[in-house]
Amino acid sequence: MIFVCKKHVKKGLKMVFLPHIQPISDENKITGNFHCHACAQWADFKLYNFESHRKQAVKKAM
């Protein structure tokens, strides 16, 4: 999982296999410490690989 600002979304999408994107809520921006992976400014989006989340859910189910 990586975090990116609005300027680096395309770059981030190329870095993640089967990427999924989720905006970071304003509440999380205030309370969290999310910085862009490319430029270290405040992040606006979370990019993650859905496959790894699915594998974790399958493990929990078993």
PDB file of N, CA and C in Angstrom:
ATOM      1  N   MET A   1       0.846  -1.155   0.000  1.00  0.00           N
ATOM      2  CA  MET A   1       0.000   0.000   0.000  1.00  0.00           C
ATOM      3  C   MET A   1       0.902   1.231   0.000  1.00  0.00           C
ATOM      4  N   ILE A   2       0.541   2.217  -0.837  1.00  0.00           N
ATOM      5  CA  ILE A   2       1.273   3.471  -0.851  1.00  0.00           C
ATOM      6  C   ILE A   2       0.275   4.626  -0.822  1.00  0.00           C
ATOM      7  N   PHE A   3       0.751   5.779  -0.446  1.00  0.00           N
ATOM      8  CA  PHE A   3      -0.058   6.985  -0.424  1.00  0.00           C
ATOM      9  C   PHE A   3       0.520   7.959  -1.423  1.00  0.00           C
ATOM     10  N   VAL A   4      -0.358   8.692  -2.136  1.00  0.00           N
ATOM     11  CA  VAL A   4       0.098   9.642  -3.138  1.00  0.00           C
ATOM     12  C   VAL A   4      -0.736  10.919  -3.090  1.00  0.00           C
ATOM     13  N   CYS A   5      -0.137  12.014  -3.566  1.00  0.00           N
ATOM     14  CA  CYS A   5      -0.864  13.272  -3.696  1.00  0.00           C
ATOM     15  C   CYS A   5      -1.566  13.278  -5.058  1.00  0.00           C
ATOM     16  N   LYS A   6      -2.354  14.322  -5.318  1.00  0.00           N
ATOM     17  CA  LYS A   6      -3.102  14.401  -6.575  1.00  0.00           C
ATOM     18  C   LYS A   6      -2.179  14.403  -7.790  1.00  0.00           C
ATOM     19  N   LYS A   7      -0.995  14.979  -7.661  1.00  0.00           N
ATOM     20  CA  LYS A   7      -0.067  15.081  -8.789  1.00  0.00           C
ATOM     21  C   LYS A   7       0.544  13.735  -9.172  1.00  0.00           C
ATOM     22  N   HIS A   8       0.633  12.798  -8.236  1.00  0.00           N
ATOM     23  CA  HIS A   8       1.373  11.561  -8.480  1.00  0.00           C
ATOM     24  C   HIS A   8       0.491  10.310  -8.532  1.00  0.00           C
ATOM     25  N   VAL A   9      -0.793  10.472  -8.792  1.00  0.00           N
ATOM     26  CA  VAL A   9      -1.695   9.311  -8.869  1.00  0.00           C
ATOM     27  C   VAL A   9      -1.286   8.385 -10.015  1.00  0.00           C
ATOM     28  N   LYS A  10      -1.033   8.936 -11.194  1.00  0.00           N
ATOM     29  CA  LYS A  10      -0.660   8.090 -12.338  1.00  0.00           C
ATOM     30  C   LYS A  10       0.627   7.330 -12.067  1.00  0.00           C
ATOM     31  N   LYS A  11       1.604   7.990 -11.488  1.00  0.00           N
ATOM     32  CA  LYS A  11       2.873   7.331 -11.164  1.00  0.00           C
ATOM     33  C   LYS A  11       2.636   6.205 -10.155  1.00  0.00           C
ATOM     34  N   GLY A  12       1.803   6.470  -9.157  1.00  0.00           N
ATOM     35  CA  GLY A  12       1.504   5.463  -8.146  1.00  0.00           C
ATOM     36  C   GLY A  12       0.777   4.261  -8.717  1.00  0.00           C
ATOM     37  N   LEU A  13      -0.144   4.512  -9.650  1.00  0.00           N
ATOM     38  CA  LEU A  13      -0.883   3.407 -10.268  1.00  0.00           C
ATOM     39  C   LEU A  13       0.039   2.459 -11.012  1.00  0.00           C
ATOM     40  N   LYS A  14       1.116   2.982 -11.565  1.00  0.00           N
ATOM     41  CA  LYS A  14       2.086   2.143 -12.267  1.00  0.00           C
ATOM     42  C   LYS A  14       2.942   1.332 -11.301  1.00  0.00           C
ATOM     43  N   MET A  15       2.996   1.739 -10.039  1.00  0.00           N
ATOM     44  CA  MET A  15       3.846   1.076  -9.057  1.00  0.00           C
ATOM     45  C   MET A  15       3.156  -0.099  -8.360  1.00  0.00           C
ATOM     46  N   VAL A  16       1.835  -0.156  -8.432  1.00  0.00           N
ATOM     47  CA  VAL A  16       1.073  -1.167  -7.700  1.00  0.00           C
ATOM     48  C   VAL A  16       0.462  -2.159  -8.681  1.00  0.00           C
ATOM     49  N   PHE A  17       0.637  -3.445  -8.422  1.00  0.00           N
ATOM     50  CA  PHE A  17       0.051  -4.499  -9.250  1.00  0.00           C
ATOM     51  C   PHE A  17      -1.446  -4.583  -8.952  1.00  0.00           C
ATOM     52  N   LEU A  18      -2.278  -4.572  -9.991  1.00  0.00           N
ATOM     53  CA  LEU A  18      -3.738  -4.563  -9.852  1.00  0.00           C
ATOM     54  C   LEU A  18      -4.178  -3.484  -8.857  1.00  0.00           C
ATOM     55  N   PRO A  19      -3.900  -2.232  -9.153  1.00  0.00           N
ATOM     56  CA  PRO A  19      -4.139  -1.167  -8.169  1.00  0.00           C
ATOM     57  C   PRO A  19      -5.612  -0.860  -7.934  1.00  0.00           C
ATOM     58  N   HIS A  20      -5.897  -0.493  -6.727  1.00  0.00           N
ATOM     59  CA  HIS A  20      -7.184   0.030  -6.314  1.00  0.00           C
ATOM     60  C   HIS A  20      -6.888   1.352  -5.628  1.00  0.00           C
ATOM     61  N   ILE A  21      -7.796   2.293  -5.774  1.00  0.00           N
ATOM     62  CA  ILE A  21      -7.561   3.624  -5.236  1.00  0.00           C
ATOM     63  C   ILE A  21      -8.693   4.004  -4.286  1.00  0.00           C
ATOM     64  N   GLN A  22      -8.324   4.638  -3.203  1.00  0.00           N
ATOM     65  CA  GLN A  22      -9.304   5.085  -2.217  1.00  0.00           C
ATOM     66  C   GLN A  22      -8.885   6.471  -1.724  1.00  0.00           C
ATOM     67  N   PRO A  23      -9.803   7.445  -1.786  1.00  0.00           N
ATOM     68  CA  PRO A  23      -9.442   8.765  -1.273  1.00  0.00           C
ATOM     69  C   PRO A  23      -9.260   8.706   0.241  1.00  0.00           C
ATOM     70  N   ILE A  24      -8.360   9.522   0.737  1.00  0.00           N
ATOM     71  CA  ILE A  24      -8.152   9.627   2.180  1.00  0.00           C
ATOM     72  C   ILE A  24      -9.132  10.668   2.695  1.00  0.00           C
ATOM     73  N   SER A  25      -9.948  10.306   3.666  1.00  0.00           N
ATOM     74  CA  SER A  25     -10.959  11.222   4.183  1.00  0.00           C
ATOM     75  C   SER A  25     -10.301  12.421   4.864  1.00  0.00           C
ATOM     76  N   ASP A  26     -11.034  13.519   4.937  1.00  0.00           N
ATOM     77  CA  ASP A  26     -10.509  14.721   5.588  1.00  0.00           C
ATOM     78  C   ASP A  26     -10.167  14.449   7.051  1.00  0.00           C
ATOM     79  N   GLU A  27     -10.970  13.613   7.698  1.00  0.00           N
ATOM     80  CA  GLU A  27     -10.711  13.260   9.092  1.00  0.00           C
ATOM     81  C   GLU A  27      -9.378  12.525   9.232  1.00  0.00           C
ATOM     82  N   ASN A  28      -9.124  11.575   8.334  1.00  0.00           N
ATOM     83  CA  ASN A  28      -7.861  10.837   8.374  1.00  0.00           C
ATOM     84  C   ASN A  28      -6.676  11.716   7.997  1.00  0.00           C
ATOM     85  N   LYS A  29      -6.900  12.686   7.113  1.00  0.00           N
ATOM     86  CA  LYS A  29      -5.819  13.612   6.759  1.00  0.00           C
ATOM     87  C   LYS A  29      -5.380  14.413   7.986  1.00  0.00           C
ATOM     88  N   ILE A  30      -6.347  14.767   8.826  1.00  0.00           N
ATOM     89  CA  ILE A  30      -6.044  15.562  10.022  1.00  0.00           C
ATOM     90  C   ILE A  30      -5.367  14.708  11.089  1.00  0.00           C
ATOM     91  N   THR A  31      -5.900  13.515  11.324  1.00  0.00           N
ATOM     92  CA  THR A  31      -5.392  12.675  12.410  1.00  0.00           C
ATOM     93  C   THR A  31      -4.224  11.785  12.001  1.00  0.00           C
ATOM     94  N   GLY A  32      -4.130  11.467  10.707  1.00  0.00           N
ATOM     95  CA  GLY A  32      -3.081  10.564  10.240  1.00  0.00           C
ATOM     96  C   GLY A  32      -1.846  11.309   9.779  1.00  0.00           C
ATOM     97  N   ASN A  33      -0.846  10.537   9.422  1.00  0.00           N
ATOM     98  CA  ASN A  33       0.416  11.095   8.960  1.00  0.00           C
ATOM     99  C   ASN A  33       0.722  10.484   7.593  1.00  0.00           C
ATOM    100  N   PHE A  34      -0.102  10.834   6.595  1.00  0.00           N
ATOM    101  CA  PHE A  34      -0.009  10.231   5.280  1.00  0.00           C
ATOM    102  C   PHE A  34       0.722  11.171   4.324  1.00  0.00           C
ATOM    103  N   HIS A  35       1.864  10.736   3.827  1.00  0.00           N
ATOM    104  CA  HIS A  35       2.656  11.532   2.906  1.00  0.00           C
ATOM    105  C   HIS A  35       2.784  10.819   1.571  1.00  0.00           C
ATOM    106  N   CYS A  36       2.859  11.612   0.506  1.00  0.00           N
ATOM    107  CA  CYS A  36       3.003  11.083  -0.842  1.00  0.00           C
ATOM    108  C   CYS A  36       4.299  10.287  -0.965  1.00  0.00           C
ATOM    109  N   HIS A  37       4.203   9.134  -1.565  1.00  0.00           N
ATOM    110  CA  HIS A  37       5.360   8.254  -1.759  1.00  0.00           C
ATOM    111  C   HIS A  37       6.381   8.881  -2.716  1.00  0.00           C
ATOM    112  N   ALA A  38       5.916   9.728  -3.640  1.00  0.00           N
ATOM    113  CA  ALA A  38       6.793  10.312  -4.649  1.00  0.00           C
ATOM    114  C   ALA A  38       7.438  11.629  -4.209  1.00  0.00           C
ATOM    115  N   CYS A  39       6.682  12.492  -3.502  1.00  0.00           N
ATOM    116  CA  CYS A  39       7.211  13.823  -3.214  1.00  0.00           C
ATOM    117  C   CYS A  39       7.194  14.204  -1.741  1.00  0.00           C
ATOM    118  N   ALA A  40       6.651  13.380  -0.887  1.00  0.00           N
ATOM    119  CA  ALA A  40       6.599  13.583   0.566  1.00  0.00           C
ATOM    120  C   ALA A  40       5.663  14.706   1.001  1.00  0.00           C
ATOM    121  N   GLN A  41       4.830  15.235   0.100  1.00  0.00           N
ATOM    122  CA  GLN A  41       3.801  16.188   0.515  1.00  0.00           C
ATOM    123  C   GLN A  41       2.620  15.406   1.074  1.00  0.00           C
ATOM    124  N   TRP A  42       1.620  16.113   1.610  1.00  0.00           N
ATOM    125  CA  TRP A  42       0.458  15.432   2.167  1.00  0.00           C
ATOM    126  C   TRP A  42      -0.238  14.619   1.089  1.00  0.00           C
ATOM    127  N   ALA A  43      -0.618  13.403   1.411  1.00  0.00           N
ATOM    128  CA  ALA A  43      -1.257  12.495   0.443  1.00  0.00           C
ATOM    129  C   ALA A  43      -2.761  12.730   0.395  1.00  0.00           C
ATOM    130  N   ASP A  44      -3.332  12.479  -0.773  1.00  0.00           N
ATOM    131  CA  ASP A  44      -4.777  12.590  -0.981  1.00  0.00           C
ATOM    132  C   ASP A  44      -5.430  11.237  -1.228  1.00  0.00           C
ATOM    133  N   PHE A  45      -4.626  10.258  -1.664  1.00  0.00           N
ATOM    134  CA  PHE A  45      -5.168   8.952  -2.033  1.00  0.00           C
ATOM    135  C   PHE A  45      -4.322   7.813  -1.482  1.00  0.00           C
ATOM    136  N   LYS A  46      -5.006   6.703  -1.199  1.00  0.00           N
ATOM    137  CA  LYS A  46      -4.336   5.468  -0.803  1.00  0.00           C
ATOM    138  C   LYS A  46      -4.452   4.509  -1.980  1.00  0.00           C
ATOM    139  N   LEU A  47      -3.326   3.973  -2.436  1.00  0.00           N
ATOM    140  CA  LEU A  47      -3.315   2.977  -3.504  1.00  0.00           C
ATOM    141  C   LEU A  47      -2.911   1.639  -2.903  1.00  0.00           C
ATOM    142  N   TYR A  48      -3.658   0.604  -3.224  1.00  0.00           N
ATOM    143  CA  TYR A  48      -3.356  -0.699  -2.645  1.00  0.00           C
ATOM    144  C   TYR A  48      -3.654  -1.799  -3.641  1.00  0.00           C
ATOM    145  N   ASN A  49      -3.156  -2.972  -3.350  1.00  0.00           N
ATOM    146  CA  ASN A  49      -3.328  -4.148  -4.179  1.00  0.00           C
ATOM    147  C   ASN A  49      -4.457  -4.968  -3.582  1.00  0.00           C
ATOM    148  N   PHE A  50      -5.560  -5.077  -4.303  1.00  0.00           N
ATOM    149  CA  PHE A  50      -6.727  -5.805  -3.806  1.00  0.00           C
ATOM    150  C   PHE A  50      -6.419  -7.272  -3.539  1.00  0.00           C
ATOM    151  N   GLU A  51      -5.546  -7.853  -4.336  1.00  0.00           N
ATOM    152  CA  GLU A  51      -5.229  -9.289  -4.202  1.00  0.00           C
ATOM    153  C   GLU A  51      -4.707  -9.619  -2.808  1.00  0.00           C
ATOM    154  N   SER A  52      -3.831  -8.788  -2.260  1.00  0.00           N
ATOM    155  CA  SER A  52      -3.287  -9.076  -0.930  1.00  0.00           C
ATOM    156  C   SER A  52      -4.368  -8.979   0.139  1.00  0.00           C
ATOM    157  N   HIS A  53      -5.315  -8.045  -0.016  1.00  0.00           N
ATOM    158  CA  HIS A  53      -6.414  -7.939   0.942  1.00  0.00           C
ATOM    159  C   HIS A  53      -7.318  -9.164   0.859  1.00  0.00           C
ATOM    160  N   ARG A  54      -7.536  -9.669  -0.361  1.00  0.00           N
ATOM    161  CA  ARG A  54      -8.378 -10.843  -0.540  1.00  0.00           C
ATOM    162  C   ARG A  54      -7.720 -12.067   0.093  1.00  0.00           C
ATOM    163  N   LYS A  55      -6.408 -12.209  -0.065  1.00  0.00           N
ATOM    164  CA  LYS A  55      -5.696 -13.331   0.531  1.00  0.00           C
ATOM    165  C   LYS A  55      -5.804 -13.303   2.056  1.00  0.00           C
ATOM    166  N   GLN A  56      -5.711 -12.110   2.636  1.00  0.00           N
ATOM    167  CA  GLN A  56      -5.825 -11.982   4.089  1.00  0.00           C
ATOM    168  C   GLN A  56      -7.227 -12.391   4.550  1.00  0.00           C
ATOM    169  N   ALA A  57      -8.255 -12.009   3.804  1.00  0.00           N
ATOM    170  CA  ALA A  57      -9.622 -12.371   4.157  1.00  0.00           C
ATOM    171  C   ALA A  57      -9.837 -13.870   4.076  1.00  0.00           C
ATOM    172  N   VAL A  58      -9.239 -14.517   3.087  1.00  0.00           N
ATOM    173  CA  VAL A  58      -9.355 -15.966   2.946  1.00  0.00           C
ATOM    174  C   VAL A  58      -8.674 -16.658   4.127  1.00  0.00           C
ATOM    175  N   LYS A  59      -7.510 -16.180   4.532  1.00  0.00           N
ATOM    176  CA  LYS A  59      -6.800 -16.765   5.663  1.00  0.00           C
ATOM    177  C   LYS A  59      -7.638 -16.653   6.930  1.00  0.00           C
ATOM    178  N   LYS A  60      -8.279 -15.500   7.150  1.00  0.00           N
ATOM    179  CA  LYS A  60      -9.113 -15.305   8.338  1.00  0.00           C
ATOM    180  C   LYS A  60     -10.315 -16.244   8.323  1.00  0.00           C
ATOM    181  N   ALA A  61     -10.875 -16.481   7.144  1.00  0.00           N
ATOM    182  CA  ALA A  61     -12.051 -17.336   7.015  1.00  0.00           C
ATOM    183  C   ALA A  61     -11.736 -18.796   7.314  1.00  0.00           C
ATOM    184  N   MET A  62     -10.498 -19.194   7.064  1.00  0.00           N
ATOM    185  CA  MET A  62     -10.108 -20.581   7.292  1.00  0.00           C
ATOM    186  C   MET A  62      -9.771 -20.712   8.725  1.00  0.00           C
TER     187      MET A  62
END
